[in-house]
Amino acid sequence: MFRHNVKPGVTGLAQVKGYRGEIKNDEDIINRIKYDNFYIENWSLVLDIRIIFQTMINVFKGQKEAY
């Protein structure tokens, strides 16, 4: 429930790890929640920079889950 108390951003840890787009099975939503909770519990500026860097890599490299 505490996921709803955090403001959404442009990207997130779950998205850069490949859990984005359509939810095809239970594992997809479980992993999204797992990564969101990890981010909330371990937030740091370094973690945000890593997410931004991984987002840039995904933009150029592409990702099969992206639309």
N, C-alpha and C. Protein backbone atom coordinates (compact mmCIF):
# COMPACT_ATOMS: atom_id res chain seq x y z
N MET A 1 0.81 -1.20 0.00
CA MET A 1 0.00 0.00 0.00
C MET A 1 0.85 1.27 0.00
N PHE A 2 2.07 1.17 0.55
CA PHE A 2 2.88 2.38 0.61
C PHE A 2 3.39 2.82 -0.75
N ARG A 3 3.24 1.99 -1.79
CA ARG A 3 3.59 2.40 -3.15
C ARG A 3 2.78 3.60 -3.60
N HIS A 4 1.57 3.74 -3.07
CA HIS A 4 0.69 4.84 -3.49
C HIS A 4 1.07 6.16 -2.85
N ASN A 5 1.98 6.16 -1.89
CA ASN A 5 2.40 7.39 -1.23
C ASN A 5 3.61 8.02 -1.89
N VAL A 6 4.15 7.39 -2.93
CA VAL A 6 5.32 7.90 -3.63
C VAL A 6 4.87 8.49 -4.95
N LYS A 7 5.38 9.68 -5.25
CA LYS A 7 5.01 10.31 -6.52
C LYS A 7 5.61 9.53 -7.69
N PRO A 8 4.84 9.33 -8.74
CA PRO A 8 5.38 8.61 -9.90
C PRO A 8 6.40 9.46 -10.64
N GLY A 9 7.31 8.79 -11.30
CA GLY A 9 8.34 9.48 -12.08
C GLY A 9 8.21 9.14 -13.54
N VAL A 10 9.15 9.60 -14.30
CA VAL A 10 9.17 9.35 -15.73
C VAL A 10 9.49 7.89 -16.00
N THR A 11 10.39 7.33 -15.23
CA THR A 11 10.78 5.94 -15.37
C THR A 11 10.99 5.35 -13.99
N GLY A 12 11.22 4.07 -13.94
CA GLY A 12 11.40 3.43 -12.65
C GLY A 12 12.25 2.19 -12.76
N LEU A 13 12.59 1.63 -11.62
CA LEU A 13 13.45 0.45 -11.59
C LEU A 13 12.81 -0.74 -12.29
N ALA A 14 11.52 -0.95 -12.07
CA ALA A 14 10.83 -2.06 -12.72
C ALA A 14 10.83 -1.90 -14.24
N GLN A 15 10.65 -0.68 -14.71
CA GLN A 15 10.60 -0.45 -16.15
C GLN A 15 11.94 -0.72 -16.81
N VAL A 16 13.03 -0.28 -16.20
CA VAL A 16 14.33 -0.50 -16.82
C VAL A 16 14.78 -1.94 -16.70
N LYS A 17 14.19 -2.69 -15.78
CA LYS A 17 14.51 -4.12 -15.64
C LYS A 17 13.66 -4.98 -16.57
N GLY A 18 12.75 -4.36 -17.34
CA GLY A 18 11.99 -5.11 -18.34
C GLY A 18 10.54 -5.39 -17.97
N TYR A 19 10.09 -4.96 -16.83
CA TYR A 19 8.71 -5.20 -16.41
C TYR A 19 7.88 -3.97 -16.71
N ARG A 20 7.48 -3.86 -17.95
CA ARG A 20 6.68 -2.73 -18.41
C ARG A 20 5.70 -3.24 -19.45
N GLY A 21 4.76 -2.42 -19.79
CA GLY A 21 3.80 -2.81 -20.81
C GLY A 21 2.72 -3.74 -20.28
N GLU A 22 2.23 -4.57 -21.16
CA GLU A 22 1.12 -5.46 -20.84
C GLU A 22 1.52 -6.50 -19.78
N ILE A 23 0.59 -6.78 -18.89
CA ILE A 23 0.80 -7.81 -17.86
C ILE A 23 0.27 -9.12 -18.43
N LYS A 24 1.17 -10.05 -18.71
CA LYS A 24 0.78 -11.31 -19.34
C LYS A 24 0.59 -12.43 -18.34
N ASN A 25 1.24 -12.32 -17.18
CA ASN A 25 1.09 -13.37 -16.17
C ASN A 25 1.32 -12.77 -14.78
N ASP A 26 1.10 -13.58 -13.76
CA ASP A 26 1.23 -13.10 -12.39
C ASP A 26 2.66 -12.67 -12.06
N GLU A 27 3.63 -13.31 -12.68
CA GLU A 27 5.02 -12.97 -12.41
C GLU A 27 5.34 -11.52 -12.77
N ASP A 28 4.71 -11.01 -13.84
CA ASP A 28 4.95 -9.63 -14.26
C ASP A 28 4.57 -8.64 -13.17
N ILE A 29 3.39 -8.78 -12.61
CA ILE A 29 2.94 -7.83 -11.59
C ILE A 29 3.69 -8.03 -10.28
N ILE A 30 4.02 -9.28 -9.95
CA ILE A 30 4.78 -9.55 -8.72
C ILE A 30 6.15 -8.89 -8.80
N ASN A 31 6.81 -9.00 -9.94
CA ASN A 31 8.13 -8.39 -10.09
C ASN A 31 8.06 -6.87 -10.13
N ARG A 32 7.03 -6.31 -10.72
CA ARG A 32 6.87 -4.85 -10.68
C ARG A 32 6.76 -4.36 -9.25
N ILE A 33 5.94 -5.03 -8.47
CA ILE A 33 5.77 -4.64 -7.07
C ILE A 33 7.08 -4.83 -6.30
N LYS A 34 7.78 -5.93 -6.57
CA LYS A 34 9.05 -6.20 -5.90
C LYS A 34 10.06 -5.09 -6.17
N TYR A 35 10.21 -4.70 -7.44
CA TYR A 35 11.15 -3.64 -7.79
C TYR A 35 10.69 -2.28 -7.24
N ASP A 36 9.41 -2.00 -7.27
CA ASP A 36 8.91 -0.74 -6.71
C ASP A 36 9.18 -0.66 -5.22
N ASN A 37 8.93 -1.75 -4.50
CA ASN A 37 9.20 -1.77 -3.06
C ASN A 37 10.69 -1.64 -2.77
N PHE A 38 11.52 -2.31 -3.56
CA PHE A 38 12.97 -2.18 -3.39
C PHE A 38 13.40 -0.73 -3.57
N TYR A 39 12.85 -0.07 -4.58
CA TYR A 39 13.20 1.33 -4.83
C TYR A 39 12.80 2.21 -3.64
N ILE A 40 11.60 2.03 -3.15
CA ILE A 40 11.12 2.84 -2.02
C ILE A 40 11.98 2.63 -0.78
N GLU A 41 12.33 1.39 -0.51
CA GLU A 41 13.09 1.07 0.70
C GLU A 41 14.57 1.44 0.58
N ASN A 42 15.11 1.53 -0.64
CA ASN A 42 16.54 1.75 -0.84
C ASN A 42 16.85 2.99 -1.67
N TRP A 43 15.95 3.96 -1.65
CA TRP A 43 16.15 5.13 -2.48
C TRP A 43 17.46 5.83 -2.15
N SER A 44 18.16 6.26 -3.21
CA SER A 44 19.35 7.09 -3.06
C SER A 44 19.56 7.82 -4.38
N LEU A 45 20.36 8.85 -4.33
CA LEU A 45 20.67 9.59 -5.53
C LEU A 45 21.41 8.70 -6.53
N VAL A 46 22.28 7.85 -6.03
CA VAL A 46 23.03 6.93 -6.89
C VAL A 46 22.07 5.97 -7.61
N LEU A 47 21.07 5.46 -6.90
CA LEU A 47 20.08 4.57 -7.53
C LEU A 47 19.31 5.31 -8.62
N ASP A 48 18.93 6.56 -8.36
CA ASP A 48 18.24 7.35 -9.39
C ASP A 48 19.12 7.56 -10.61
N ILE A 49 20.39 7.83 -10.39
CA ILE A 49 21.32 8.03 -11.52
C ILE A 49 21.47 6.74 -12.32
N ARG A 50 21.53 5.61 -11.63
CA ARG A 50 21.63 4.32 -12.33
C ARG A 50 20.38 4.06 -13.17
N ILE A 51 19.21 4.40 -12.64
CA ILE A 51 17.96 4.21 -13.39
C ILE A 51 17.94 5.11 -14.62
N ILE A 52 18.36 6.35 -14.47
CA ILE A 52 18.40 7.27 -15.61
C ILE A 52 19.38 6.76 -16.67
N PHE A 53 20.55 6.30 -16.24
CA PHE A 53 21.54 5.77 -17.17
C PHE A 53 21.00 4.54 -17.90
N GLN A 54 20.36 3.62 -17.18
CA GLN A 54 19.79 2.42 -17.80
C GLN A 54 18.66 2.79 -18.76
N THR A 55 17.90 3.83 -18.43
CA THR A 55 16.84 4.29 -19.32
C THR A 55 17.43 4.77 -20.64
N MET A 56 18.52 5.52 -20.57
CA MET A 56 19.17 5.99 -21.80
C MET A 56 19.68 4.82 -22.64
N ILE A 57 20.24 3.82 -21.99
CA ILE A 57 20.70 2.63 -22.71
C ILE A 57 19.52 1.94 -23.39
N ASN A 58 18.41 1.81 -22.69
CA ASN A 58 17.23 1.16 -23.26
C ASN A 58 16.65 1.94 -24.43
N VAL A 59 16.76 3.26 -24.39
CA VAL A 59 16.25 4.08 -25.49
C VAL A 59 17.02 3.75 -26.77
N PHE A 60 18.33 3.66 -26.67
CA PHE A 60 19.15 3.42 -27.85
C PHE A 60 19.20 1.94 -28.24
N LYS A 61 19.23 1.08 -27.26
CA LYS A 61 19.33 -0.37 -27.51
C LYS A 61 17.99 -0.96 -27.90
N GLY A 62 16.92 -0.44 -27.34
CA GLY A 62 15.60 -0.98 -27.57
C GLY A 62 15.25 -2.02 -26.52
N GLN A 63 13.97 -2.27 -26.39
CA GLN A 63 13.49 -3.24 -25.40
C GLN A 63 12.23 -3.87 -25.97
N LYS A 64 12.15 -5.19 -25.93
CA LYS A 64 11.03 -5.88 -26.57
C LYS A 64 9.69 -5.56 -25.92
N GLU A 65 9.68 -5.19 -24.63
CA GLU A 65 8.43 -4.89 -23.95
C GLU A 65 7.91 -3.49 -24.25
N ALA A 66 8.75 -2.64 -24.85
CA ALA A 66 8.35 -1.27 -25.16
C ALA A 66 7.41 -1.27 -26.37
N TYR A 67 6.53 -0.31 -26.40
CA TYR A 67 5.57 -0.22 -27.50
C TYR A 67 6.15 0.52 -28.68
